Amino acid sequence: MTPAEIKIKRTDAILAELIPEALASLNDARLRELDVIEVRCSRGKSDAKVYLDPHDYSDDERRLLLKQIAKARPIVEDYCMKDQGWFRSPTLEFVFDDHFQKTKQLDALFKQISKERPKKEADNES
């Protein structure tokens, strides 16, 4: 791993700690409940994608939460910048991470296939 990659990973880790703290300091209870799964900075550390846990939010709730957090984004960036003494903070982009849900769906499909496979094998043997 190169020194530049190490710096980016370090910034990712710092932001992953600071963003939940910043969200907890907000007045909106819905935003305080959001869980940050992961943060990924761009190469130049000018932008960062913040992956949020989707829980069981509907699409309408997600849209509303993303709209609310977009309004609070400057406050979160300012919190991170002041806490670390940075000259500027990466521009944060908040998205819900559906990776875990897709993994659950794939696991359910594999389970269903494994249940159906013995039935087909038993039918073929008859």
Protein backbone atom coordinates (compact mmCIF):
# COMPACT_ATOMS: atom_id res chain seq x y z
CA MET A 1 0.00 0.00 0.00
CA THR A 2 1.39 3.36 -1.00
CA PRO A 3 1.65 6.30 1.42
CA ALA A 4 -1.11 8.11 -0.50
CA GLU A 5 -3.46 5.14 -0.10
CA ILE A 6 -2.66 5.01 3.60
CA LYS A 7 -3.57 8.70 3.97
CA ILE A 8 -6.87 8.14 2.18
CA LYS A 9 -7.69 5.14 4.39
CA ARG A 10 -6.83 7.20 7.47
CA THR A 11 -9.14 10.00 6.30
CA ASP A 12 -11.87 7.42 5.63
CA ALA A 13 -11.54 6.11 9.18
CA ILE A 14 -11.53 9.59 10.73
CA LEU A 15 -14.65 10.59 8.79
CA ALA A 16 -16.36 7.31 9.71
CA GLU A 17 -15.96 8.31 13.37
CA LEU A 18 -16.73 12.02 13.02
CA ILE A 19 -19.84 11.87 10.82
CA PRO A 20 -21.94 9.89 13.35
CA GLU A 21 -20.84 12.36 16.05
CA ALA A 22 -21.89 15.26 13.83
CA LEU A 23 -25.23 13.61 13.05
CA ALA A 24 -25.81 13.03 16.77
CA SER A 25 -25.39 16.74 17.42
CA LEU A 26 -28.20 17.70 15.00
CA ASN A 27 -31.71 18.65 16.12
CA ASP A 28 -33.48 16.27 13.71
CA ALA A 29 -34.12 12.97 15.51
CA ARG A 30 -34.43 11.06 12.22
CA LEU A 31 -30.92 12.08 11.18
CA ARG A 32 -29.50 11.19 14.59
CA GLU A 33 -30.73 7.61 14.09
CA LEU A 34 -28.84 7.09 10.82
CA ASP A 35 -25.96 4.62 10.96
CA VAL A 36 -22.83 5.15 8.89
CA ILE A 37 -21.57 1.89 7.42
CA GLU A 38 -18.57 3.11 5.48
CA VAL A 39 -16.88 6.23 4.11
CA ARG A 40 -14.84 6.26 0.91
CA CYS A 41 -12.80 9.30 -0.08
CA SER A 42 -11.77 10.12 -3.63
CA ARG A 43 -8.08 10.14 -4.53
CA GLY A 44 -7.65 13.85 -3.92
CA LYS A 45 -9.77 13.69 -0.75
CA SER A 46 -11.98 16.43 -2.16
CA ASP A 47 -15.09 14.23 -2.19
CA ALA A 48 -16.28 11.41 0.02
CA LYS A 49 -19.17 8.98 -0.31
CA VAL A 50 -20.89 8.15 2.96
CA TYR A 51 -22.74 4.84 2.94
CA LEU A 52 -25.71 4.69 5.30
CA ASP A 53 -27.48 1.65 6.70
CA PRO A 54 -30.86 1.38 4.93
CA HIS A 55 -32.58 -0.48 7.83
CA ASP A 56 -36.14 -1.08 6.67
CA TYR A 57 -36.79 2.37 5.26
CA SER A 58 -39.21 2.62 2.35
CA ASP A 59 -38.18 4.43 -0.82
CA ASP A 60 -40.17 7.50 0.22
CA GLU A 61 -38.51 7.56 3.64
CA ARG A 62 -35.09 7.22 2.03
CA ARG A 63 -35.76 10.12 -0.33
CA LEU A 64 -36.95 12.27 2.55
CA LEU A 65 -33.92 11.38 4.70
CA LEU A 66 -31.50 12.08 1.83
CA LYS A 67 -33.19 15.44 1.28
CA GLN A 68 -32.88 16.28 4.99
CA ILE A 69 -29.26 15.18 5.21
CA ALA A 70 -28.42 17.20 2.08
CA LYS A 71 -29.60 20.28 3.95
CA ALA A 72 -27.50 19.32 6.98
CA ARG A 73 -24.42 18.41 4.91
CA PRO A 74 -22.64 21.79 5.39
CA ILE A 75 -23.07 21.47 9.16
CA VAL A 76 -21.59 17.95 9.13
CA GLU A 77 -18.68 19.05 6.93
CA ASP A 78 -18.02 22.05 9.18
CA TYR A 79 -18.05 19.79 12.26
CA CYS A 80 -15.47 17.45 10.69
CA MET A 81 -13.30 20.33 9.51
CA LYS A 82 -13.22 22.08 12.89
CA ASP A 83 -12.68 18.87 14.86
CA GLN A 84 -9.63 17.89 12.82
CA GLY A 85 -8.31 21.41 12.19
CA TRP A 86 -8.48 20.89 8.44
CA PHE A 87 -8.40 23.79 6.02
CA ARG A 88 -11.39 22.24 4.24
CA SER A 89 -13.47 19.12 4.52
CA PRO A 90 -14.27 16.69 1.72
CA THR A 91 -17.63 17.30 0.06
CA LEU A 92 -19.86 14.57 1.45
CA GLU A 93 -22.34 12.60 -0.62
CA PHE A 94 -24.76 10.46 1.37
CA VAL A 95 -26.18 7.26 -0.14
CA PHE A 96 -27.96 4.24 1.27
CA ASP A 97 -25.96 1.03 0.97
CA ASP A 98 -28.10 -1.71 -0.56
CA HIS A 99 -25.22 -4.19 -0.73
CA PHE A 100 -26.31 -6.00 2.44
CA GLN A 101 -29.90 -6.38 1.21
CA LYS A 102 -28.72 -7.74 -2.14
CA THR A 103 -26.54 -10.24 -0.30
CA LYS A 104 -29.54 -11.35 1.77
CA GLN A 105 -31.59 -11.83 -1.39
CA LEU A 106 -28.83 -13.91 -2.99
CA ASP A 107 -28.56 -16.06 0.13
CA ALA A 108 -32.32 -16.64 0.09
CA LEU A 109 -32.13 -17.66 -3.58
CA PHE A 110 -29.30 -20.09 -2.90
CA LYS A 111 -31.25 -21.62 -0.03
CA GLN A 112 -34.29 -22.02 -2.26
CA ILE A 113 -32.17 -23.66 -4.97
CA SER A 114 -30.58 -26.03 -2.47
CA LYS A 115 -34.05 -27.07 -1.24
CA GLU A 116 -35.32 -27.67 -4.77
CA ARG A 117 -32.24 -29.59 -5.90
CA PRO A 118 -32.84 -32.67 -3.69
CA LYS A 119 -36.45 -32.82 -4.91
CA LYS A 120 -35.33 -32.84 -8.56
CA GLU A 121 -32.68 -35.46 -7.87
CA ALA A 122 -35.27 -37.67 -6.13
CA ASP A 123 -37.64 -37.26 -9.10
CA ASN A 124 -34.88 -38.20 -11.56
CA GLU A 125 -34.02 -41.35 -9.60
CA SER A 126 -37.63 -42.61 -9.70
